[in-house]
């Protein structure tokens, strides 16, 4: 199973056509948050910076893209479907095992918390830490606080062999 976000899929989807031509069955779970949500979180929450055009809605464009990933994957010859939730996602993953071509399962996700809506990410709620260095010197208080938090987090890391 290949797990990929919509931003990464847009940068590296050509091999899907090759897999279809070679009849190489595998499953792609494509999470659609309408941009580069992971990078946006890394920039803002992880590194203490300001967001910059990571989410389609934040870009200064005349027309917001409405990309149909199911149609795109199907046009390349893959079996493609949109999952309406996690139960449907699980069922589609099981069904994909029976196919002899690539399967792309698209599921919508949220890139950031939306207070009052019940929509929220799980970033930060599972005790994980993304070790990306934060600038040590900054004129911005938020950045200095993030660096102090970064130092605390790296002291908690444990090695795994």
Foldseek 3Di string as FASTA:
>chain_A
DAEEEPAVCVVDVVCLLVQQVVLAEDEYEYEYAQFQLVVQCCQCVVQPHHDDCGHQVPDPDPDRDDDDVQVVSVVSPAREDEAADDVSVVVVNVVSVPGSGYYYYYYYAHSADDPPPPHHDCPPVPPDHDLDAYDCDDPDPSNVVSNVVNVVVVVPDDDDD
